[in-house]
């Protein structure tokens, strides 16, 4: 069975960078914990070995408290680094999402010139590109609807004169314009 990555809003490169950062932080923390434990254990064993009175029955009595202390310290160290990485990741993601949201809201409020601009290294470039394409298609459709509306308005204004004179050719033009307007409006499924 072949596993494929699904297409989400976050691209694969971004996911890979953050995953590698978390793995590296965890590995560095673990290596530091082991090195710190070894150094402290050797120091403790050396101190006990040269003391005149040894009252331990097994090395676990000597090293167990040290082991717990080192692991708790390493755990807190890793948690601190992961918290910093999480905050960094949130800042890296929330900035572009805020700009996208702001520009989409401007467009939704009726500013048809709104365009999503992200910095070159911002994430979500593909999402911004797709939203810009969608907004451009909406602009084009609205322009086409506006043109059809103008045609219908002109046909309606001349229809009154045509009806009083008995000329029905304007009616066919009006029906054609209404049909084209209906075609453009049907593209928007509500």
C-alpha atoms as a PDB file:
ATOM      1  CA  UNK A   1       0.000   0.000   0.000  1.00  0.00           C
ATOM      2  CA  UNK A   2       1.429   3.341  -1.071  1.00  0.00           C
ATOM      3  CA  UNK A   3       1.094   6.202   1.386  1.00  0.00           C
ATOM      4  CA  UNK A   4       0.722   9.684  -0.002  1.00  0.00           C
ATOM      5  CA  UNK A   5       0.742  12.946   1.811  1.00  0.00           C
ATOM      6  CA  UNK A   6      -2.601  14.683   1.615  1.00  0.00           C
ATOM      7  CA  UNK A   7      -2.689  18.246   0.388  1.00  0.00           C
ATOM      8  CA  UNK A   8      -3.330  20.506   3.341  1.00  0.00           C
ATOM      9  CA  UNK A   9      -3.080  24.266   3.761  1.00  0.00           C
ATOM     10  CA  UNK A  10       0.445  23.873   5.156  1.00  0.00           C
ATOM     11  CA  UNK A  11       2.939  22.769   2.533  1.00  0.00           C
ATOM     12  CA  UNK A  12       5.238  19.779   2.942  1.00  0.00           C
ATOM     13  CA  UNK A  13       8.429  21.849   3.280  1.00  0.00           C
ATOM     14  CA  UNK A  14       7.050  23.785   6.223  1.00  0.00           C
ATOM     15  CA  UNK A  15       5.855  20.626   7.952  1.00  0.00           C
ATOM     16  CA  UNK A  16       9.223  18.983   7.391  1.00  0.00           C
ATOM     17  CA  UNK A  17      11.169  21.970   8.804  1.00  0.00           C
ATOM     18  CA  UNK A  18       9.067  22.108  11.958  1.00  0.00           C
ATOM     19  CA  UNK A  19       9.149  18.338  12.445  1.00  0.00           C
ATOM     20  CA  UNK A  20      12.935  18.291  12.039  1.00  0.00           C
ATOM     21  CA  UNK A  21      13.280  21.216  14.456  1.00  0.00           C
ATOM     22  CA  UNK A  22      11.286  19.372  17.130  1.00  0.00           C
ATOM     23  CA  UNK A  23      13.225  16.140  16.559  1.00  0.00           C
ATOM     24  CA  UNK A  24      16.566  17.965  16.735  1.00  0.00           C
ATOM     25  CA  UNK A  25      15.580  19.757  19.941  1.00  0.00           C
ATOM     26  CA  UNK A  26      14.477  16.477  21.528  1.00  0.00           C
ATOM     27  CA  UNK A  27      17.674  14.690  20.444  1.00  0.00           C
ATOM     28  CA  UNK A  28      19.923  17.505  21.637  1.00  0.00           C
ATOM     29  CA  UNK A  29      18.095  17.525  24.958  1.00  0.00           C
ATOM     30  CA  UNK A  30      18.492  13.780  25.306  1.00  0.00           C
ATOM     31  CA  UNK A  31      22.193  13.843  24.425  1.00  0.00           C
ATOM     32  CA  UNK A  32      22.740  16.676  26.923  1.00  0.00           C
ATOM     33  CA  UNK A  33      20.865  14.722  29.615  1.00  0.00           C
ATOM     34  CA  UNK A  34      22.941  11.584  29.038  1.00  0.00           C
ATOM     35  CA  UNK A  35      26.202  13.551  29.013  1.00  0.00           C
ATOM     36  CA  UNK A  36      25.216  15.462  32.154  1.00  0.00           C
ATOM     37  CA  UNK A  37      24.191  12.231  33.904  1.00  0.00           C
ATOM     38  CA  UNK A  38      27.437  10.500  32.974  1.00  0.00           C
ATOM     39  CA  UNK A  39      29.528  13.417  34.213  1.00  0.00           C
ATOM     40  CA  UNK A  40      27.591  13.682  37.481  1.00  0.00           C
ATOM     41  CA  UNK A  41      27.581   9.908  37.997  1.00  0.00           C
ATOM     42  CA  UNK A  42      31.328   9.645  37.483  1.00  0.00           C
ATOM     43  CA  UNK A  43      31.876  12.512  39.887  1.00  0.00           C
ATOM     44  CA  UNK A  44      29.608  10.909  42.496  1.00  0.00           C
ATOM     45  CA  UNK A  45      31.180   7.445  42.086  1.00  0.00           C
ATOM     46  CA  UNK A  46      34.651   8.969  42.294  1.00  0.00           C
ATOM     47  CA  UNK A  47      33.715  10.784  45.509  1.00  0.00           C
ATOM     48  CA  UNK A  48      32.275   7.607  47.045  1.00  0.00           C
ATOM     49  CA  UNK A  49      35.197   5.496  45.915  1.00  0.00           C
ATOM     50  CA  UNK A  50      37.710   7.681  47.758  1.00  0.00           C
ATOM     51  CA  UNK A  51      35.630   8.122  50.897  1.00  0.00           C
ATOM     52  CA  UNK A  52      36.602   6.154  53.979  1.00  0.00           C
ATOM     53  CA  UNK A  53      33.072   5.151  54.850  1.00  0.00           C
ATOM     54  CA  UNK A  54      30.852   3.519  52.199  1.00  0.00           C
ATOM     55  CA  UNK A  55      27.321   2.865  53.394  1.00  0.00           C
ATOM     56  CA  UNK A  56      25.619   1.893  50.116  1.00  0.00           C
ATOM     57  CA  UNK A  57      24.707  -1.643  49.194  1.00  0.00           C
ATOM     58  CA  UNK A  58      24.125  -1.092  45.468  1.00  0.00           C
ATOM     59  CA  UNK A  59      24.988   1.564  42.913  1.00  0.00           C
ATOM     60  CA  UNK A  60      21.303   2.304  42.324  1.00  0.00           C
ATOM     61  CA  UNK A  61      21.114   3.763  45.847  1.00  0.00           C
ATOM     62  CA  UNK A  62      23.882   6.118  44.861  1.00  0.00           C
ATOM     63  CA  UNK A  63      22.803   6.953  41.322  1.00  0.00           C
ATOM     64  CA  UNK A  64      18.981   6.825  41.501  1.00  0.00           C
ATOM     65  CA  UNK A  65      18.547  10.320  43.036  1.00  0.00           C
ATOM     66  CA  UNK A  66      21.083  11.680  40.570  1.00  0.00           C
ATOM     67  CA  UNK A  67      19.292   9.957  37.705  1.00  0.00           C
ATOM     68  CA  UNK A  68      15.967  11.514  38.734  1.00  0.00           C
ATOM     69  CA  UNK A  69      17.519  14.953  39.127  1.00  0.00           C
ATOM     70  CA  UNK A  70      19.192  14.832  35.709  1.00  0.00           C
ATOM     71  CA  UNK A  71      16.055  13.556  33.965  1.00  0.00           C
ATOM     72  CA  UNK A  72      13.836  16.214  35.555  1.00  0.00           C
ATOM     73  CA  UNK A  73      16.354  18.897  34.572  1.00  0.00           C
ATOM     74  CA  UNK A  74      16.538  17.541  31.016  1.00  0.00           C
ATOM     75  CA  UNK A  75      12.741  17.368  30.828  1.00  0.00           C
ATOM     76  CA  UNK A  76      12.425  21.013  31.891  1.00  0.00           C
ATOM     77  CA  UNK A  77      15.192  21.977  29.467  1.00  0.00           C
ATOM     78  CA  UNK A  78      13.438  20.241  26.553  1.00  0.00           C
ATOM     79  CA  UNK A  79      10.046  21.706  27.528  1.00  0.00           C
ATOM     80  CA  UNK A  80      11.564  25.203  27.531  1.00  0.00           C
ATOM     81  CA  UNK A  81      13.093  24.712  24.083  1.00  0.00           C
ATOM     82  CA  UNK A  82       9.885  23.225  22.703  1.00  0.00           C
ATOM     83  CA  UNK A  83       7.899  26.155  24.117  1.00  0.00           C
ATOM     84  CA  UNK A  84      10.255  28.585  22.380  1.00  0.00           C
ATOM     85  CA  UNK A  85       9.983  26.596  19.134  1.00  0.00           C
ATOM     86  CA  UNK A  86       6.180  26.514  19.439  1.00  0.00           C
ATOM     87  CA  UNK A  87       5.998  30.274  19.955  1.00  0.00           C
ATOM     88  CA  UNK A  88       8.330  30.791  16.995  1.00  0.00           C
ATOM     89  CA  UNK A  89       6.163  28.496  14.864  1.00  0.00           C
ATOM     90  CA  UNK A  90       2.994  30.345  15.879  1.00  0.00           C
ATOM     91  CA  UNK A  91       4.549  33.684  14.952  1.00  0.00           C
ATOM     92  CA  UNK A  92       5.727  32.246  11.639  1.00  0.00           C
ATOM     93  CA  UNK A  93       2.198  31.049  10.825  1.00  0.00           C
ATOM     94  CA  UNK A  94      -0.045  33.716  12.338  1.00  0.00           C
ATOM     95  CA  UNK A  95       1.525  36.657  10.480  1.00  0.00           C
ATOM     96  CA  UNK A  96       0.696  35.387   6.987  1.00  0.00           C
ATOM     97  CA  UNK A  97      -2.719  34.121   8.125  1.00  0.00           C
ATOM     98  CA  UNK A  98      -3.521  37.550   9.570  1.00  0.00           C
ATOM     99  CA  UNK A  99      -2.553  39.277   6.294  1.00  0.00           C
ATOM    100  CA  UNK A 100      -4.589  36.788   4.263  1.00  0.00           C
ATOM    101  CA  UNK A 101      -7.601  37.269   6.551  1.00  0.00           C
ATOM    102  CA  UNK A 102      -7.311  41.071   6.412  1.00  0.00           C
ATOM    103  CA  UNK A 103      -7.146  41.144   2.596  1.00  0.00           C
ATOM    104  CA  UNK A 104      -9.970  38.626   2.169  1.00  0.00           C
ATOM    105  CA  UNK A 105     -12.139  40.694   4.529  1.00  0.00           C
ATOM    106  CA  UNK A 106     -11.401  43.838   2.502  1.00  0.00           C
ATOM    107  CA  UNK A 107     -12.520  41.971  -0.610  1.00  0.00           C
ATOM    108  CA  UNK A 108     -15.635  40.687   1.171  1.00  0.00           C
ATOM    109  CA  UNK A 109     -16.479  44.246   2.254  1.00  0.00           C
ATOM    110  CA  UNK A 110     -16.592  45.261  -1.415  1.00  0.00           C
ATOM    111  CA  UNK A 111     -13.052  46.446  -2.127  1.00  0.00           C
ATOM    112  CA  UNK A 112     -12.633  44.622  -5.433  1.00  0.00           C
ATOM    113  CA  UNK A 113      -9.072  45.933  -5.811  1.00  0.00           C
ATOM    114  CA  UNK A 114      -7.950  43.941  -2.749  1.00  0.00           C
ATOM    115  CA  UNK A 115      -5.072  41.591  -3.449  1.00  0.00           C
ATOM    116  CA  UNK A 116      -3.296  39.289  -1.005  1.00  0.00           C
ATOM    117  CA  UNK A 117       0.347  40.266  -0.631  1.00  0.00           C
ATOM    118  CA  UNK A 118       2.697  38.089   1.395  1.00  0.00           C
ATOM    119  CA  UNK A 119       6.392  38.523   1.937  1.00  0.00           C
ATOM    120  CA  UNK A 120       8.686  36.338  -0.130  1.00  0.00           C
ATOM    121  CA  UNK A 121       9.576  33.908   2.677  1.00  0.00           C
ATOM    122  CA  UNK A 122       6.112  33.770   4.262  1.00  0.00           C
ATOM    123  CA  UNK A 123       4.302  30.473   4.447  1.00  0.00           C
ATOM    124  CA  UNK A 124       0.958  29.902   2.686  1.00  0.00           C
ATOM    125  CA  UNK A 125       2.152  31.314  -0.651  1.00  0.00           C
ATOM    126  CA  UNK A 126       0.122  28.684  -2.502  1.00  0.00           C
ATOM    127  CA  UNK A 127      -3.025  29.533  -0.514  1.00  0.00           C
ATOM    128  CA  UNK A 128      -2.563  33.249  -1.242  1.00  0.00           C
ATOM    129  CA  UNK A 129      -2.046  32.492  -4.938  1.00  0.00           C
ATOM    130  CA  UNK A 130      -5.230  30.410  -5.093  1.00  0.00           C
ATOM    131  CA  UNK A 131      -7.238  33.057  -3.246  1.00  0.00           C
ATOM    132  CA  UNK A 132      -5.904  35.760  -5.575  1.00  0.00           C
ATOM    133  CA  UNK A 133      -6.936  33.643  -8.562  1.00  0.00           C
ATOM    134  CA  UNK A 134     -10.411  33.193  -7.074  1.00  0.00           C
ATOM    135  CA  UNK A 135     -10.759  36.919  -6.422  1.00  0.00           C
ATOM    136  CA  UNK A 136      -9.653  37.681  -9.998  1.00  0.00           C
ATOM    137  CA  UNK A 137     -12.281  35.292 -11.396  1.00  0.00           C
ATOM    138  CA  UNK A 138     -14.917  36.928  -9.187  1.00  0.00           C
ATOM    139  CA  UNK A 139     -13.855  40.362 -10.451  1.00  0.00           C
ATOM    140  CA  UNK A 140     -14.187  39.180 -14.048  1.00  0.00           C
ATOM    141  CA  UNK A 141     -17.621  37.679 -13.389  1.00  0.00           C
ATOM    142  CA  UNK A 142     -18.817  40.834 -11.668  1.00  0.00           C
ATOM    143  CA  UNK A 143     -17.614  42.959 -14.584  1.00  0.00           C
ATOM    144  CA  UNK A 144     -19.477  40.666 -16.995  1.00  0.00           C
ATOM    145  CA  UNK A 145     -22.630  40.886 -14.844  1.00  0.00           C
ATOM    146  CA  UNK A 146     -22.274  44.686 -14.752  1.00  0.00           C
ATOM    147  CA  UNK A 147     -22.011  44.803 -18.531  1.00  0.00           C
ATOM    148  CA  UNK A 148     -25.090  42.601 -18.884  1.00  0.00           C
ATOM    149  CA  UNK A 149     -26.935  44.804 -16.412  1.00  0.00           C
ATOM    150  CA  UNK A 150     -26.083  47.861 -18.512  1.00  0.00           C
ATOM    151  CA  UNK A 151     -27.388  46.098 -21.640  1.00  0.00           C
ATOM    152  CA  UNK A 152     -30.622  45.177 -19.860  1.00  0.00           C
ATOM    153  CA  UNK A 153     -31.024  48.739 -18.562  1.00  0.00           C
ATOM    154  CA  UNK A 154     -30.564  50.184 -22.046  1.00  0.00           C
ATOM    155  CA  UNK A 155     -32.983  47.644 -23.500  1.00  0.00           C
ATOM    156  CA  UNK A 156     -35.567  48.432 -20.806  1.00  0.00           C
ATOM    157  CA  UNK A 157     -35.322  52.162 -21.404  1.00  0.00           C
ATOM    158  CA  UNK A 158     -35.856  51.726 -25.129  1.00  0.00           C
ATOM    159  CA  UNK A 159     -38.572  49.108 -24.585  1.00  0.00           C
ATOM    160  CA  UNK A 160     -41.138  51.687 -23.498  1.00  0.00           C
ATOM    161  CA  UNK A 161     -40.773  53.549 -26.791  1.00  0.00           C
ATOM    162  CA  UNK A 162     -40.818  50.257 -28.729  1.00  0.00           C
ATOM    163  CA  UNK A 163     -43.998  49.028 -27.037  1.00  0.00           C
ATOM    164  CA  UNK A 164     -45.892  52.258 -27.807  1.00  0.00           C
ATOM    165  CA  UNK A 165     -44.820  52.057 -31.455  1.00  0.00           C
ATOM    166  CA  UNK A 166     -45.557  48.314 -31.711  1.00  0.00           C
ATOM    167  CA  UNK A 167     -41.934  47.303 -32.500  1.00  0.00           C
ATOM    168  CA  UNK A 168     -41.119  43.917 -30.856  1.00  0.00           C
ATOM    169  CA  UNK A 169     -37.499  43.615 -32.042  1.00  0.00           C
ATOM    170  CA  UNK A 170     -36.295  45.301 -28.838  1.00  0.00           C
ATOM    171  CA  UNK A 171     -38.129  42.663 -26.834  1.00  0.00           C
ATOM    172  CA  UNK A 172     -36.028  39.910 -28.413  1.00  0.00           C
ATOM    173  CA  UNK A 173     -32.843  41.839 -27.562  1.00  0.00           C
ATOM    174  CA  UNK A 174     -34.012  42.311 -24.000  1.00  0.00           C
ATOM    175  CA  UNK A 175     -34.786  38.609 -23.657  1.00  0.00           C
ATOM    176  CA  UNK A 176     -31.351  37.782 -25.036  1.00  0.00           C
ATOM    177  CA  UNK A 177     -29.669  40.167 -22.537  1.00  0.00           C
ATOM    178  CA  UNK A 178     -31.707  38.726 -19.675  1.00  0.00           C
ATOM    179  CA  UNK A 179     -30.708  35.210 -20.724  1.00  0.00           C
ATOM    180  CA  UNK A 180     -27.007  36.168 -20.726  1.00  0.00           C
ATOM    181  CA  UNK A 181     -27.383  37.818 -17.332  1.00  0.00           C
ATOM    182  CA  UNK A 182     -29.089  34.694 -15.998  1.00  0.00           C
ATOM    183  CA  UNK A 183     -26.219  32.563 -17.345  1.00  0.00           C
ATOM    184  CA  UNK A 184     -23.665  34.671 -15.463  1.00  0.00           C
ATOM    185  CA  UNK A 185     -25.700  34.609 -12.283  1.00  0.00           C
ATOM    186  CA  UNK A 186     -26.119  30.823 -12.392  1.00  0.00           C
ATOM    187  CA  UNK A 187     -22.348  30.460 -12.006  1.00  0.00           C
ATOM    188  CA  UNK A 188     -22.818  31.596  -8.404  1.00  0.00           C
ATOM    189  CA  UNK A 189     -24.458  28.751  -6.571  1.00  0.00           C
ATOM    190  CA  UNK A 190     -26.041  30.016  -3.400  1.00  0.00           C
END
